[in-house]
Amino acid sequence: MKVFTYSEARQHLAKLLDPAREEEVEIRRRDGTIFSLTVKQPSTRSPFDVPGIDTAATTQDILDAVAESRTR
C-alpha cells in the first residue's frame, strides 16, 4: 500500500491515480486523519433499470392525472 502526505497528494494528484488503479493509496493529514483512495469500477447498469410493478392504471388514467396536476 502506498502512503502519501496530504501535501504530496494535493500537489501530485494525477500521480496518485496510477498506483490507485492497482492498490489502495492512503493520504494522511497532519492531524492523523487518513483517507483511502481506490479505483471504482463503472456500473454497467442504468440508474433507470428498476423492476416494474403491476397496476390497474390505464394510459388515460395517467394522462388525466398529469392534466389535473398541471391545472393546480
PDB file of N, CA and C in Angstrom:
ATOM      1  N   MET A   1       0.847  -1.175   0.000  1.00  0.00           N
ATOM      2  CA  MET A   1       0.000   0.000   0.000  1.00  0.00           C
ATOM      3  C   MET A   1       0.889   1.234   0.000  1.00  0.00           C
ATOM      4  N   LYS A   2       0.553   2.166  -0.859  1.00  0.00           N
ATOM      5  CA  LYS A   2       1.294   3.427  -0.938  1.00  0.00           C
ATOM      6  C   LYS A   2       0.683   4.417   0.047  1.00  0.00           C
ATOM      7  N   VAL A   3       1.537   5.220   0.659  1.00  0.00           N
ATOM      8  CA  VAL A   3       1.089   6.233   1.610  1.00  0.00           C
ATOM      9  C   VAL A   3       1.703   7.566   1.214  1.00  0.00           C
ATOM     10  N   PHE A   4       0.850   8.596   1.122  1.00  0.00           N
ATOM     11  CA  PHE A   4       1.286   9.941   0.766  1.00  0.00           C
ATOM     12  C   PHE A   4       0.801  10.905   1.823  1.00  0.00           C
ATOM     13  N   THR A   5       1.522  12.002   1.983  1.00  0.00           N
ATOM     14  CA  THR A   5       1.039  13.057   2.867  1.00  0.00           C
ATOM     15  C   THR A   5      -0.020  13.853   2.115  1.00  0.00           C
ATOM     16  N   TYR A   6      -0.814  14.587   2.866  1.00  0.00           N
ATOM     17  CA  TYR A   6      -1.852  15.421   2.266  1.00  0.00           C
ATOM     18  C   TYR A   6      -1.236  16.426   1.295  1.00  0.00           C
ATOM     19  N   SER A   7      -0.115  17.001   1.690  1.00  0.00           N
ATOM     20  CA  SER A   7       0.565  17.987   0.850  1.00  0.00           C
ATOM     21  C   SER A   7       1.013  17.362  -0.468  1.00  0.00           C
ATOM     22  N   GLU A   8       1.600  16.153  -0.402  1.00  0.00           N
ATOM     23  CA  GLU A   8       2.012  15.457  -1.630  1.00  0.00           C
ATOM     24  C   GLU A   8       0.805  15.154  -2.512  1.00  0.00           C
ATOM     25  N   ALA A   9      -0.274  14.727  -1.890  1.00  0.00           N
ATOM     26  CA  ALA A   9      -1.481  14.384  -2.645  1.00  0.00           C
ATOM     27  C   ALA A   9      -2.043  15.607  -3.364  1.00  0.00           C
ATOM     28  N   ARG A  10      -2.064  16.735  -2.679  1.00  0.00           N
ATOM     29  CA  ARG A  10      -2.559  17.968  -3.299  1.00  0.00           C
ATOM     30  C   ARG A  10      -1.725  18.363  -4.498  1.00  0.00           C
ATOM     31  N   GLN A  11      -0.430  18.258  -4.369  1.00  0.00           N
ATOM     32  CA  GLN A  11       0.476  18.703  -5.423  1.00  0.00           C
ATOM     33  C   GLN A  11       0.560  17.722  -6.588  1.00  0.00           C
ATOM     34  N   HIS A  12       0.333  16.447  -6.325  1.00  0.00           N
ATOM     35  CA  HIS A  12       0.560  15.426  -7.352  1.00  0.00           C
ATOM     36  C   HIS A  12      -0.615  14.459  -7.473  1.00  0.00           C
ATOM     37  N   LEU A  13      -1.821  14.972  -7.512  1.00  0.00           N
ATOM     38  CA  LEU A  13      -2.994  14.105  -7.558  1.00  0.00           C
ATOM     39  C   LEU A  13      -2.950  13.148  -8.742  1.00  0.00           C
ATOM     40  N   ALA A  14      -2.550  13.614  -9.903  1.00  0.00           N
ATOM     41  CA  ALA A  14      -2.502  12.746 -11.088  1.00  0.00           C
ATOM     42  C   ALA A  14      -1.572  11.558 -10.867  1.00  0.00           C
ATOM     43  N   LYS A  15      -0.479  11.763 -10.140  1.00  0.00           N
ATOM     44  CA  LYS A  15       0.466  10.669  -9.875  1.00  0.00           C
ATOM     45  C   LYS A  15      -0.114   9.650  -8.894  1.00  0.00           C
ATOM     46  N   LEU A  16      -1.052  10.058  -8.054  1.00  0.00           N
ATOM     47  CA  LEU A  16      -1.675   9.136  -7.109  1.00  0.00           C
ATOM     48  C   LEU A  16      -2.679   8.219  -7.791  1.00  0.00           C
ATOM     49  N   LEU A  17      -3.262   8.683  -8.885  1.00  0.00           N
ATOM     50  CA  LEU A  17      -4.302   7.898  -9.538  1.00  0.00           C
ATOM     51  C   LEU A  17      -3.755   6.631 -10.182  1.00  0.00           C
ATOM     52  N   ASP A  18      -2.539   6.674 -10.705  1.00  0.00           N
ATOM     53  CA  ASP A  18      -1.963   5.479 -11.337  1.00  0.00           C
ATOM     54  C   ASP A  18      -1.775   4.335 -10.344  1.00  0.00           C
ATOM     55  N   PRO A  19      -1.103   4.556  -9.203  1.00  0.00           N
ATOM     56  CA  PRO A  19      -0.981   3.433  -8.267  1.00  0.00           C
ATOM     57  C   PRO A  19      -2.325   3.007  -7.674  1.00  0.00           C
ATOM     58  N   ALA A  20      -3.290   3.924  -7.604  1.00  0.00           N
ATOM     59  CA  ALA A  20      -4.603   3.581  -7.050  1.00  0.00           C
ATOM     60  C   ALA A  20      -5.349   2.602  -7.950  1.00  0.00           C
ATOM     61  N   ARG A  21      -4.958   2.508  -9.210  1.00  0.00           N
ATOM     62  CA  ARG A  21      -5.576   1.517 -10.104  1.00  0.00           C
ATOM     63  C   ARG A  21      -5.212   0.096  -9.678  1.00  0.00           C
ATOM     64  N   GLU A  22      -4.042  -0.064  -9.085  1.00  0.00           N
ATOM     65  CA  GLU A  22      -3.537  -1.392  -8.730  1.00  0.00           C
ATOM     66  C   GLU A  22      -3.716  -1.732  -7.251  1.00  0.00           C
ATOM     67  N   GLU A  23      -3.627  -0.720  -6.389  1.00  0.00           N
ATOM     68  CA  GLU A  23      -3.702  -0.977  -4.952  1.00  0.00           C
ATOM     69  C   GLU A  23      -4.264   0.243  -4.234  1.00  0.00           C
ATOM     70  N   GLU A  24      -4.624   0.042  -2.989  1.00  0.00           N
ATOM     71  CA  GLU A  24      -5.149   1.129  -2.168  1.00  0.00           C
ATOM     72  C   GLU A  24      -4.051   2.151  -1.893  1.00  0.00           C
ATOM     73  N   VAL A  25      -4.419   3.421  -1.952  1.00  0.00           N
ATOM     74  CA  VAL A  25      -3.489   4.509  -1.649  1.00  0.00           C
ATOM     75  C   VAL A  25      -4.049   5.262  -0.443  1.00  0.00           C
ATOM     76  N   GLU A  26      -3.207   5.506   0.550  1.00  0.00           N
ATOM     77  CA  GLU A  26      -3.632   6.263   1.726  1.00  0.00           C
ATOM     78  C   GLU A  26      -3.057   7.665   1.680  1.00  0.00           C
ATOM     79  N   ILE A  27      -3.877   8.613   2.098  1.00  0.00           N
ATOM     80  CA  ILE A  27      -3.454  10.007   2.207  1.00  0.00           C
ATOM     81  C   ILE A  27      -3.615  10.391   3.675  1.00  0.00           C
ATOM     82  N   ARG A  28      -2.516  10.791   4.301  1.00  0.00           N
ATOM     83  CA  ARG A  28      -2.520  11.113   5.730  1.00  0.00           C
ATOM     84  C   ARG A  28      -2.335  12.608   5.950  1.00  0.00           C
ATOM     85  N   ARG A  29      -3.198  13.152   6.791  1.00  0.00           N
ATOM     86  CA  ARG A  29      -3.077  14.562   7.165  1.00  0.00           C
ATOM     87  C   ARG A  29      -2.268  14.680   8.447  1.00  0.00           C
ATOM     88  N   ARG A  30      -1.830  15.879   8.729  1.00  0.00           N
ATOM     89  CA  ARG A  30      -1.031  16.118   9.940  1.00  0.00           C
ATOM     90  C   ARG A  30      -1.785  15.768  11.212  1.00  0.00           C
ATOM     91  N   ASP A  31      -3.117  15.979  11.184  1.00  0.00           N
ATOM     92  CA  ASP A  31      -3.905  15.703  12.389  1.00  0.00           C
ATOM     93  C   ASP A  31      -4.183  14.211  12.582  1.00  0.00           C
ATOM     94  N   GLY A  32      -3.644  13.361  11.694  1.00  0.00           N
ATOM     95  CA  GLY A  32      -3.802  11.918  11.828  1.00  0.00           C
ATOM     96  C   GLY A  32      -4.940  11.327  11.018  1.00  0.00           C
ATOM     97  N   THR A  33      -5.751  12.178  10.408  1.00  0.00           N
ATOM     98  CA  THR A  33      -6.841  11.687   9.578  1.00  0.00           C
ATOM     99  C   THR A  33      -6.269  10.961   8.369  1.00  0.00           C
ATOM    100  N   ILE A  34      -6.838   9.801   8.059  1.00  0.00           N
ATOM    101  CA  ILE A  34      -6.372   9.005   6.928  1.00  0.00           C
ATOM    102  C   ILE A  34      -7.519   8.834   5.937  1.00  0.00           C
ATOM    103  N   PHE A  35      -7.236   9.112   4.674  1.00  0.00           N
ATOM    104  CA  PHE A  35      -8.197   8.921   3.595  1.00  0.00           C
ATOM    105  C   PHE A  35      -7.697   7.791   2.711  1.00  0.00           C
ATOM    106  N   SER A  36      -8.609   7.028   2.161  1.00  0.00           N
ATOM    107  CA  SER A  36      -8.253   5.904   1.305  1.00  0.00           C
ATOM    108  C   SER A  36      -8.699   6.209  -0.123  1.00  0.00           C
ATOM    109  N   LEU A  37      -7.808   5.960  -1.070  1.00  0.00           N
ATOM    110  CA  LEU A  37      -8.099   6.196  -2.481  1.00  0.00           C
ATOM    111  C   LEU A  37      -8.006   4.860  -3.207  1.00  0.00           C
ATOM    112  N   THR A  38      -9.109   4.433  -3.808  1.00  0.00           N
ATOM    113  CA  THR A  38      -9.136   3.191  -4.577  1.00  0.00           C
ATOM    114  C   THR A  38      -9.893   3.422  -5.870  1.00  0.00           C
ATOM    115  N   VAL A  39      -9.658   2.564  -6.832  1.00  0.00           N
ATOM    116  CA  VAL A  39     -10.366   2.665  -8.099  1.00  0.00           C
ATOM    117  C   VAL A  39     -11.764   2.074  -7.927  1.00  0.00           C
ATOM    118  N   LYS A  40     -12.737   2.670  -8.587  1.00  0.00           N
ATOM    119  CA  LYS A  40     -14.109   2.192  -8.540  1.00  0.00           C
ATOM    120  C   LYS A  40     -14.518   1.823  -9.957  1.00  0.00           C
ATOM    121  N   GLN A  41     -14.991   0.607 -10.131  1.00  0.00           N
ATOM    122  CA  GLN A  41     -15.395   0.155 -11.456  1.00  0.00           C
ATOM    123  C   GLN A  41     -16.717   0.825 -11.832  1.00  0.00           C
ATOM    124  N   PRO A  42     -16.830   1.278 -13.080  1.00  0.00           N
ATOM    125  CA  PRO A  42     -18.085   1.904 -13.501  1.00  0.00           C
ATOM    126  C   PRO A  42     -19.218   0.882 -13.533  1.00  0.00           C
ATOM    127  N   SER A  43     -20.377   1.335 -13.196  1.00  0.00           N
ATOM    128  CA  SER A  43     -21.549   0.466 -13.198  1.00  0.00           C
ATOM    129  C   SER A  43     -21.982   0.191 -14.630  1.00  0.00           C
ATOM    130  N   THR A  44     -22.369  -1.031 -14.886  1.00  0.00           N
ATOM    131  CA  THR A  44     -22.844  -1.384 -16.227  1.00  0.00           C
ATOM    132  C   THR A  44     -24.357  -1.254 -16.317  1.00  0.00           C
ATOM    133  N   ARG A  45     -24.985  -0.940 -15.203  1.00  0.00           N
ATOM    134  CA  ARG A  45     -26.440  -0.805 -15.192  1.00  0.00           C
ATOM    135  C   ARG A  45     -26.850   0.661 -15.229  1.00  0.00           C
ATOM    136  N   SER A  46     -27.968   0.900 -15.832  1.00  0.00           N
ATOM    137  CA  SER A  46     -28.545   2.238 -15.859  1.00  0.00           C
ATOM    138  C   SER A  46     -29.238   2.504 -14.525  1.00  0.00           C
ATOM    139  N   PRO A  47     -29.200   3.744 -14.032  1.00  0.00           N
ATOM    140  CA  PRO A  47     -29.939   4.046 -12.806  1.00  0.00           C
ATOM    141  C   PRO A  47     -31.449   3.919 -13.006  1.00  0.00           C
ATOM    142  N   PHE A  48     -31.890   3.867 -14.260  1.00  0.00           N
ATOM    143  CA  PHE A  48     -33.311   3.709 -14.563  1.00  0.00           C
ATOM    144  C   PHE A  48     -33.699   2.248 -14.742  1.00  0.00           C
ATOM    145  N   ASP A  49     -32.756   1.336 -14.560  1.00  0.00           N
ATOM    146  CA  ASP A  49     -33.001  -0.090 -14.696  1.00  0.00           C
ATOM    147  C   ASP A  49     -33.582  -0.612 -13.384  1.00  0.00           C
ATOM    148  N   VAL A  50     -34.878  -0.390 -13.203  1.00  0.00           N
ATOM    149  CA  VAL A  50     -35.565  -0.804 -11.981  1.00  0.00           C
ATOM    150  C   VAL A  50     -36.698  -1.750 -12.355  1.00  0.00           C
ATOM    151  N   PRO A  51     -37.059  -2.627 -11.455  1.00  0.00           N
ATOM    152  CA  PRO A  51     -38.148  -3.548 -11.774  1.00  0.00           C
ATOM    153  C   PRO A  51     -39.475  -2.805 -11.883  1.00  0.00           C
ATOM    154  N   GLY A  52     -40.307  -3.259 -12.783  1.00  0.00           N
ATOM    155  CA  GLY A  52     -41.624  -2.660 -12.962  1.00  0.00           C
ATOM    156  C   GLY A  52     -42.607  -3.189 -11.929  1.00  0.00           C
ATOM    157  N   ILE A  53     -43.771  -2.572 -11.877  1.00  0.00           N
ATOM    158  CA  ILE A  53     -44.826  -3.033 -10.978  1.00  0.00           C
ATOM    159  C   ILE A  53     -46.101  -3.196 -11.784  1.00  0.00           C
ATOM    160  N   ASP A  54     -46.935  -4.130 -11.356  1.00  0.00           N
ATOM    161  CA  ASP A  54     -48.231  -4.318 -11.999  1.00  0.00           C
ATOM    162  C   ASP A  54     -49.215  -3.342 -11.379  1.00  0.00           C
ATOM    163  N   THR A  55     -50.018  -2.703 -12.222  1.00  0.00           N
ATOM    164  CA  THR A  55     -51.011  -1.747 -11.748  1.00  0.00           C
ATOM    165  C   THR A  55     -52.224  -1.793 -12.669  1.00  0.00           C
ATOM    166  N   ALA A  56     -53.337  -1.376 -12.141  1.00  0.00           N
ATOM    167  CA  ALA A  56     -54.564  -1.347 -12.933  1.00  0.00           C
ATOM    168  C   ALA A  56     -54.727  -0.010 -13.650  1.00  0.00           C
ATOM    169  N   ALA A  57     -53.794   0.907 -13.474  1.00  0.00           N
ATOM    170  CA  ALA A  57     -53.886   2.229 -14.103  1.00  0.00           C
ATOM    171  C   ALA A  57     -53.744   2.097 -15.615  1.00  0.00           C
ATOM    172  N   THR A  58     -54.588   2.825 -16.309  1.00  0.00           N
ATOM    173  CA  THR A  58     -54.523   2.836 -17.772  1.00  0.00           C
ATOM    174  C   THR A  58     -53.763   4.071 -18.231  1.00  0.00           C
ATOM    175  N   THR A  59     -53.449   4.099 -19.503  1.00  0.00           N
ATOM    176  CA  THR A  59     -52.780   5.270 -20.074  1.00  0.00           C
ATOM    177  C   THR A  59     -53.633   6.510 -19.863  1.00  0.00           C
ATOM    178  N   GLN A  60     -54.943   6.367 -20.030  1.00  0.00           N
ATOM    179  CA  GLN A  60     -55.841   7.513 -19.850  1.00  0.00           C
ATOM    180  C   GLN A  60     -55.827   7.991 -18.402  1.00  0.00           C
ATOM    181  N   ASP A  61     -55.755   7.073 -17.435  1.00  0.00           N
ATOM    182  CA  ASP A  61     -55.664   7.462 -16.019  1.00  0.00           C
ATOM    183  C   ASP A  61     -54.420   8.319 -15.776  1.00  0.00           C
ATOM    184  N   ILE A  62     -53.327   7.917 -16.368  1.00  0.00           N
ATOM    185  CA  ILE A  62     -52.072   8.658 -16.199  1.00  0.00           C
ATOM    186  C   ILE A  62     -52.166  10.027 -16.851  1.00  0.00           C
ATOM    187  N   LEU A  63     -52.711  10.082 -18.058  1.00  0.00           N
ATOM    188  CA  LEU A  63     -52.867  11.369 -18.747  1.00  0.00           C
ATOM    189  C   LEU A  63     -53.792  12.299 -17.975  1.00  0.00           C
ATOM    190  N   ASP A  64     -54.869  11.759 -17.403  1.00  0.00           N
ATOM    191  CA  ASP A  64     -55.785  12.573 -16.600  1.00  0.00           C
ATOM    192  C   ASP A  64     -55.083  13.112 -15.351  1.00  0.00           C
ATOM    193  N   ALA A  65     -54.262  12.286 -14.709  1.00  0.00           N
ATOM    194  CA  ALA A  65     -53.542  12.722 -13.513  1.00  0.00           C
ATOM    195  C   ALA A  65     -52.543  13.824 -13.851  1.00  0.00           C
ATOM    196  N   VAL A  66     -51.855  13.697 -14.984  1.00  0.00           N
ATOM    197  CA  VAL A  66     -50.904  14.728 -15.407  1.00  0.00           C
ATOM    198  C   VAL A  66     -51.643  16.020 -15.716  1.00  0.00           C
ATOM    199  N   ALA A  67     -52.748  15.922 -16.438  1.00  0.00           N
ATOM    200  CA  ALA A  67     -53.526  17.118 -16.777  1.00  0.00           C
ATOM    201  C   ALA A  67     -54.045  17.801 -15.515  1.00  0.00           C
ATOM    202  N   GLU A  68     -54.511  17.013 -14.557  1.00  0.00           N
ATOM    203  CA  GLU A  68     -55.015  17.578 -13.304  1.00  0.00           C
ATOM    204  C   GLU A  68     -53.900  18.279 -12.525  1.00  0.00           C
ATOM    205  N   SER A  69     -52.713  17.702 -12.507  1.00  0.00           N
ATOM    206  CA  SER A  69     -51.617  18.320 -11.760  1.00  0.00           C
ATOM    207  C   SER A  69     -51.170  19.628 -12.397  1.00  0.00           C
ATOM    208  N   ARG A  70     -51.370  19.756 -13.694  1.00  0.00           N
ATOM    209  CA  ARG A  70     -50.969  20.987 -14.393  1.00  0.00           C
ATOM    210  C   ARG A  70     -51.968  22.120 -14.216  1.00  0.00           C
ATOM    211  N   THR A  71     -53.178  21.810 -13.791  1.00  0.00           N
ATOM    212  CA  THR A  71     -54.187  22.859 -13.606  1.00  0.00           C
ATOM    213  C   THR A  71     -54.157  23.433 -12.198  1.00  0.00           C
ATOM    214  N   ARG A  72     -53.361  22.896 -11.336  1.00  0.00           N
ATOM    215  CA  ARG A  72     -53.296  23.379  -9.945  1.00  0.00           C
ATOM    216  C   ARG A  72     -52.496  24.631  -9.844  1.00  0.00           C
TER     217      ARG A  72
END
